[in-house]
Amino acid sequence: MTIFLIVLSLISDISAALYAFSDAELFRRLLVFAMFHFIASISAAYAMFMLLPENMRKSQSPYLAVGFMFLMCMFLPVLGFIGLFMCVVVAMNLPKKRAEVMWVANPREELPSHPRDMMYTKFGTGALQDILLNAPDVERRVEAISSVSHLPRDQRIAFYKLALRDPADDVRLMAYSQLDPIEQDITDNIKQLEDSFNENNSADIAYDIAQQFWEICYLGIADTVLVKHYLTNARKWCQTAIEIDDRGNFELLLGRILLELGEIEPAEIALQKAKDAKMLDSQVNTYLAECAFRMHDYASVKSYLSSLYATEGSKLAQLREYWLNAK
């Protein structure tokens, strides 16, 4: 049946073409050409539909498919038939060969152990964190800890603290071994600064000592039982610096320390002094908003946050939007 339709289509199209160039009247030639070409088009369309794979014939509406092919053959004489045959029938019956190998093995990449190597690796901070959290191989997680030495100190410490919760002893020990030198460096620096202060009672040195104690707590290096001790020392040295030379940045640090100690009213006083000393709103108002919140002064919270500029999508922007829209 299919072969018969193809032969009929070819004979009809050839007859139409021959008659179109005959010596008959123009109207007669057009009428005969249209009739023979119509027969050729409908025959070719149905024949090509029958040549499609069986699963495609069942999934498509025969009327739509045959109608589309008929229109292509009817309005594109010869070219429509050839194009449809090549693009539809041949392509559908000879699909692209599938690759026998569905996956490609990649060699395991070594994690960088030197800051310079980070320029030539695809392992960023997020990738290293994912390895630490999800890699089943303990050695791989240990390598991830060794590879964060290029990061700023606060990011490294956050990474090490995350590793301290790892179930594997080797990973936890590696994290401890990386944290201890950081705390020891800060402690040694404090001792050197204290010796310098004994020789020269400088407000800057006292402030540096307070900052070092504060950094131990702020970065979360200190054990829980020692946090209050370090904060108390930070407050003492910050107050010493203020007694020598009262500056805005000294008051700001004191306010943050007092806020961490839970002394809200003294913290607010110190922060207001910092603001009066021409410290920027962006430096002070977030802490003043926290003081107001902990004293249940929600109107002041809204006022402080409204004066801050926050990058769209940041946590501060979300917090600011919440308070500004609160009723």
Protein backbone atom coordinates (compact mmCIF):
# COMPACT_ATOMS: atom_id res chain seq x y z
CA MET A 1 0.00 0.00 0.00
CA THR A 2 2.76 2.44 0.95
CA ILE A 3 4.78 1.68 -2.19
CA PHE A 4 1.66 2.06 -4.33
CA LEU A 5 0.98 5.49 -2.84
CA ILE A 6 4.57 6.64 -3.42
CA VAL A 7 4.46 5.45 -7.06
CA LEU A 8 1.06 7.13 -7.53
CA SER A 9 2.43 10.34 -6.07
CA LEU A 10 5.44 10.34 -8.38
CA ILE A 11 3.37 9.56 -11.48
CA SER A 12 0.82 12.25 -10.60
CA ASP A 13 3.46 14.91 -9.97
CA ILE A 14 5.34 14.05 -13.17
CA SER A 15 2.08 14.14 -15.15
CA ALA A 16 1.18 17.49 -13.61
CA ALA A 17 4.59 18.93 -14.50
CA LEU A 18 4.44 17.63 -18.10
CA TYR A 19 0.95 18.97 -18.67
CA ALA A 20 1.89 22.34 -17.19
CA PHE A 21 4.37 22.85 -20.04
CA SER A 22 2.02 21.61 -22.78
CA ASP A 23 0.41 23.78 -25.48
CA ALA A 24 -3.08 23.66 -23.91
CA GLU A 25 -4.91 26.74 -22.71
CA LEU A 26 -3.54 28.37 -19.54
CA PHE A 27 -6.72 27.81 -17.51
CA ARG A 28 -6.87 24.16 -18.57
CA ARG A 29 -3.19 23.65 -17.73
CA LEU A 30 -3.63 25.17 -14.26
CA LEU A 31 -6.73 23.09 -13.55
CA VAL A 32 -5.14 19.80 -14.63
CA PHE A 33 -1.89 20.66 -12.81
CA ALA A 34 -3.79 21.42 -9.57
CA MET A 35 -5.81 18.18 -9.82
CA PHE A 36 -2.80 15.94 -10.43
CA HIS A 37 -0.68 17.77 -7.83
CA PHE A 38 -3.49 17.42 -5.27
CA ILE A 39 -3.59 13.65 -5.87
CA ALA A 40 0.22 13.48 -5.61
CA SER A 41 0.28 15.52 -2.38
CA ILE A 42 -2.40 13.53 -0.56
CA SER A 43 -0.81 10.24 -1.68
CA ALA A 44 2.68 11.35 -0.58
CA ALA A 45 1.41 12.67 2.76
CA TYR A 46 -0.36 9.43 3.65
CA ALA A 47 2.56 7.32 2.41
CA MET A 48 5.04 9.26 4.57
CA PHE A 49 2.74 8.97 7.57
CA MET A 50 2.73 5.19 7.09
CA LEU A 51 6.54 5.22 6.91
CA LEU A 52 6.85 6.78 10.36
CA PRO A 53 7.76 4.46 13.27
CA GLU A 54 4.72 2.70 14.73
CA ASN A 55 5.07 4.29 18.17
CA MET A 56 5.01 7.76 16.59
CA ARG A 57 1.95 6.97 14.47
CA LYS A 58 0.07 5.92 17.60
CA SER A 59 1.13 8.94 19.63
CA GLN A 60 0.11 11.48 16.96
CA SER A 61 -3.35 12.31 15.60
CA PRO A 62 -3.36 10.91 12.02
CA TYR A 63 -5.50 13.77 10.73
CA LEU A 64 -3.14 16.45 12.02
CA ALA A 65 -0.01 14.65 10.85
CA VAL A 66 -1.34 13.84 7.37
CA GLY A 67 -2.83 17.33 7.07
CA PHE A 68 0.50 18.98 7.88
CA MET A 69 2.39 16.79 5.40
CA PHE A 70 -0.26 17.41 2.73
CA LEU A 71 0.03 21.18 3.09
CA MET A 72 3.82 21.02 2.86
CA CYS A 73 3.67 18.92 -0.32
CA MET A 74 0.82 20.95 -1.82
CA PHE A 75 2.34 24.39 -1.44
CA LEU A 76 5.97 23.36 -2.01
CA PRO A 77 5.91 21.21 -5.14
CA VAL A 78 8.77 18.69 -5.32
CA LEU A 79 10.75 20.48 -2.56
CA GLY A 80 8.07 19.77 0.02
CA PHE A 81 8.05 16.07 -0.78
CA ILE A 82 11.84 15.75 -0.72
CA GLY A 83 12.22 17.86 2.43
CA LEU A 84 9.55 15.97 4.37
CA PHE A 85 10.94 12.63 3.30
CA MET A 86 14.48 13.53 4.42
CA CYS A 87 13.64 15.48 7.59
CA VAL A 88 10.72 13.45 8.91
CA VAL A 89 10.72 9.91 7.60
CA VAL A 90 14.48 9.31 7.40
CA ALA A 91 15.23 11.18 10.64
CA MET A 92 12.54 9.36 12.59
CA ASN A 93 13.56 5.93 11.37
CA LEU A 94 17.27 6.59 11.83
CA PRO A 95 17.53 8.42 15.18
CA LYS A 96 20.82 9.67 16.57
CA LYS A 97 22.85 6.84 18.00
CA ARG A 98 22.95 6.92 21.77
CA ALA A 99 26.28 6.87 23.50
CA GLU A 100 26.96 3.49 25.05
CA VAL A 101 28.78 5.13 27.97
CA MET A 102 26.25 7.17 29.93
CA TRP A 103 28.76 8.61 32.40
CA VAL A 104 32.36 9.78 32.30
CA ALA A 105 34.72 9.07 35.16
CA ASN A 106 36.77 12.04 36.38
CA PRO A 107 39.94 11.67 38.41
CA ARG A 108 39.77 12.65 42.05
CA GLU A 109 41.21 16.13 42.49
CA GLU A 110 43.51 16.87 45.38
CA LEU A 111 42.49 19.72 47.63
CA PRO A 112 44.87 22.72 47.67
CA SER A 113 47.14 23.01 50.68
CA HIS A 114 48.78 26.35 49.86
CA PRO A 115 47.14 29.77 49.35
CA ARG A 116 48.72 30.14 45.90
CA ASP A 117 47.06 26.92 44.78
CA MET A 118 43.60 28.44 45.30
CA MET A 119 44.08 30.44 42.07
CA TYR A 120 44.16 27.22 40.07
CA THR A 121 41.41 25.19 41.70
CA LYS A 122 37.63 25.12 41.50
CA PHE A 123 37.31 24.45 45.23
CA GLY A 124 36.00 27.61 46.89
CA THR A 125 34.83 28.10 50.45
CA GLY A 126 31.41 26.63 49.72
CA ALA A 127 32.89 23.54 48.07
CA LEU A 128 35.23 22.92 51.00
CA GLN A 129 32.35 23.28 53.44
CA ASP A 130 30.26 20.81 51.43
CA ILE A 131 33.15 18.34 51.51
CA LEU A 132 33.44 18.72 55.28
CA LEU A 133 29.71 18.19 55.80
CA ASN A 134 28.98 15.53 53.19
CA ALA A 135 32.12 13.64 52.17
CA PRO A 136 31.97 10.05 53.50
CA ASP A 137 35.76 9.70 53.40
CA VAL A 138 37.41 10.86 56.65
CA GLU A 139 40.71 11.62 54.90
CA ARG A 140 38.87 13.85 52.46
CA ARG A 141 37.33 15.83 55.32
CA VAL A 142 40.75 16.18 56.97
CA GLU A 143 42.14 17.50 53.67
CA ALA A 144 39.33 20.06 53.57
CA ILE A 145 40.36 21.38 56.99
CA SER A 146 43.97 21.68 55.84
CA SER A 147 42.90 23.63 52.76
CA VAL A 148 41.32 26.64 54.49
CA SER A 149 44.58 28.20 55.65
CA HIS A 150 44.26 30.87 52.94
CA LEU A 151 40.98 32.18 54.37
CA PRO A 152 40.67 35.18 56.70
CA ARG A 153 40.95 34.26 60.36
CA ASP A 154 37.25 34.65 61.20
CA GLN A 155 36.24 32.39 58.28
CA ARG A 156 38.85 29.81 59.22
CA ILE A 157 37.63 29.71 62.80
CA ALA A 158 34.01 29.26 61.69
CA PHE A 159 35.18 26.37 59.51
CA TYR A 160 37.16 24.77 62.35
CA LYS A 161 34.23 25.13 64.75
CA LEU A 162 32.06 23.33 62.23
CA ALA A 163 34.64 20.56 62.07
CA LEU A 164 34.57 20.17 65.86
CA ARG A 165 31.09 18.64 65.51
CA ASP A 166 32.33 15.96 63.11
CA PRO A 167 31.76 12.37 64.32
CA ALA A 168 35.28 11.28 63.30
CA ASP A 169 38.03 11.73 65.91
CA ASP A 170 40.67 12.51 63.27
CA VAL A 171 38.63 15.43 61.92
CA ARG A 172 37.97 16.87 65.37
CA LEU A 173 41.61 16.54 66.40
CA MET A 174 42.70 18.26 63.19
CA ALA A 175 40.31 21.14 63.91
CA TYR A 176 41.59 21.46 67.50
CA SER A 177 45.18 21.47 66.26
CA GLN A 178 44.34 24.38 63.94
CA LEU A 179 42.41 26.35 66.56
CA ASP A 180 44.97 26.13 69.36
CA PRO A 181 47.72 28.11 67.56
CA ILE A 182 45.25 30.91 66.78
CA GLU A 183 44.24 31.28 70.43
CA GLN A 184 47.88 30.98 71.50
CA ASP A 185 48.93 33.73 69.05
CA ILE A 186 46.29 36.07 70.45
CA THR A 187 47.28 35.24 74.05
CA ASP A 188 50.97 35.86 73.29
CA ASN A 189 50.07 39.13 71.61
CA ILE A 190 48.11 40.21 74.69
CA LYS A 191 51.11 39.47 76.90
CA GLN A 192 53.41 41.54 74.70
CA LEU A 193 50.92 44.42 74.67
CA GLU A 194 50.58 44.31 78.47
CA ASP A 195 54.37 44.54 78.79
CA SER A 196 54.34 47.51 76.41
CA PHE A 197 51.58 49.17 78.44
CA ASN A 198 53.58 48.80 81.65
CA GLU A 199 56.39 50.76 79.97
CA ASN A 200 54.12 53.31 78.29
CA ASN A 201 50.59 53.97 79.56
CA SER A 202 49.13 54.54 76.12
CA ALA A 203 45.39 54.59 75.40
CA ASP A 204 46.04 52.93 72.05
CA ILE A 205 47.85 50.00 73.67
CA ALA A 206 45.08 49.54 76.26
CA TYR A 207 42.52 49.62 73.45
CA ASP A 208 44.51 47.02 71.47
CA ILE A 209 44.54 44.73 74.52
CA ALA A 210 40.78 45.14 74.92
CA GLN A 211 40.33 44.32 71.24
CA GLN A 212 42.41 41.16 71.57
CA PHE A 213 40.32 39.91 74.51
CA TRP A 214 37.15 40.84 72.64
CA GLU A 215 38.32 39.02 69.51
CA ILE A 216 38.80 35.78 71.43
CA CYS A 217 35.14 35.93 72.48
CA TYR A 218 33.78 37.38 69.24
CA LEU A 219 35.40 34.67 67.12
CA GLY A 220 34.21 31.97 69.49
CA ILE A 221 37.66 30.59 70.22
CA ALA A 222 37.34 30.64 74.00
CA ASP A 223 35.73 27.83 75.97
CA THR A 224 32.31 28.66 77.37
CA VAL A 225 33.56 28.84 80.96
CA LEU A 226 36.25 31.38 80.00
CA VAL A 227 34.11 33.71 77.89
CA LYS A 228 32.97 35.85 80.81
CA HIS A 229 36.55 36.07 82.10
CA TYR A 230 37.79 37.33 78.72
CA LEU A 231 34.89 39.77 78.40
CA THR A 232 35.58 41.15 81.88
CA ASN A 233 39.23 41.70 80.96
CA ALA A 234 38.18 43.34 77.69
CA ARG A 235 35.90 45.73 79.59
CA LYS A 236 38.64 46.55 82.11
CA TRP A 237 41.19 47.43 79.44
CA CYS A 238 38.66 49.37 77.37
CA GLN A 239 37.70 51.45 80.42
CA THR A 240 41.42 52.02 81.05
CA ALA A 241 41.81 53.34 77.50
CA ILE A 242 38.80 55.64 77.97
CA GLU A 243 40.21 56.99 81.23
CA ILE A 244 43.41 57.96 79.42
CA ASP A 245 41.74 59.32 76.26
CA ASP A 246 37.99 59.16 75.68
CA ARG A 247 37.37 58.45 71.98
CA GLY A 248 34.32 57.37 70.01
CA ASN A 249 35.75 54.03 68.88
CA PHE A 250 36.71 53.21 72.47
CA GLU A 251 33.12 53.85 73.61
CA LEU A 252 31.79 51.75 70.73
CA LEU A 253 33.89 48.76 71.74
CA LEU A 254 32.91 49.20 75.39
CA GLY A 255 29.24 49.29 74.40
CA ARG A 256 29.57 46.04 72.46
CA ILE A 257 31.38 44.35 75.35
CA LEU A 258 28.75 45.49 77.88
CA LEU A 259 26.00 44.34 75.53
CA GLU A 260 27.58 40.90 75.38
CA LEU A 261 27.83 40.83 79.19
CA GLY A 262 24.12 41.61 79.43
CA GLU A 263 24.60 45.08 80.98
CA ILE A 264 22.13 46.81 78.70
CA GLU A 265 21.76 50.28 80.22
CA PRO A 266 25.54 50.91 80.59
CA ALA A 267 25.95 49.58 77.04
CA GLU A 268 23.40 52.08 75.74
CA ILE A 269 25.17 54.95 77.53
CA ALA A 270 28.52 53.96 76.00
CA LEU A 271 27.01 53.62 72.53
CA GLN A 272 25.32 57.02 72.80
CA LYS A 273 28.68 58.53 73.75
CA ALA A 274 30.19 56.90 70.66
CA LYS A 275 27.43 58.42 68.54
CA ASP A 276 27.94 61.83 70.14
CA ALA A 277 31.64 61.51 69.27
CA LYS A 278 30.69 61.57 65.57
CA MET A 279 30.78 57.81 64.96
CA LEU A 280 28.73 56.87 61.90
CA ASP A 281 25.14 55.71 62.31
CA SER A 282 26.00 52.56 60.38
CA GLN A 283 28.60 51.72 63.05
CA VAL A 284 26.46 52.41 66.12
CA ASN A 285 22.75 52.16 65.37
CA THR A 286 22.60 48.39 64.98
CA TYR A 287 23.86 47.98 68.56
CA LEU A 288 21.60 50.74 69.85
CA ALA A 289 18.69 48.94 68.18
CA GLU A 290 19.68 45.75 70.01
CA CYS A 291 19.79 47.64 73.32
CA ALA A 292 16.34 49.11 72.65
CA PHE A 293 14.96 45.69 71.75
CA ARG A 294 16.27 44.09 74.93
CA MET A 295 14.74 46.94 76.94
CA HIS A 296 11.42 46.42 75.06
CA ASP A 297 11.59 49.90 73.54
CA TYR A 298 10.32 48.80 70.12
CA ALA A 299 9.64 52.31 68.83
CA SER A 300 13.34 53.12 69.21
CA VAL A 301 14.27 49.88 67.43
CA LYS A 302 12.24 51.02 64.42
CA SER A 303 13.80 54.49 64.56
CA TYR A 304 17.39 53.21 64.70
CA LEU A 305 16.91 50.69 61.89
CA SER A 306 15.18 53.22 59.63
CA SER A 307 18.39 55.30 59.54
CA LEU A 308 20.48 52.40 58.25
CA TYR A 309 21.24 51.58 54.64
CA ALA A 310 21.24 47.88 53.85
CA THR A 311 22.12 46.02 50.67
CA GLU A 312 19.09 44.41 49.08
CA GLY A 313 18.75 40.76 50.08
CA SER A 314 21.05 41.00 53.10
CA LYS A 315 19.97 39.90 56.57
CA LEU A 316 20.03 43.51 57.76
CA ALA A 317 17.76 44.50 54.86
CA GLN A 318 15.27 41.79 55.78
CA LEU A 319 15.36 42.81 59.46
CA ARG A 320 14.94 46.48 58.56
CA GLU A 321 12.01 45.74 56.26
CA TYR A 322 10.29 43.70 58.98
CA TRP A 323 10.53 46.45 61.58
CA LEU A 324 9.59 49.26 59.21
CA ASN A 325 6.46 47.37 58.14
CA ALA A 326 5.57 46.32 61.68
CA LYS A 327 2.48 47.95 63.16
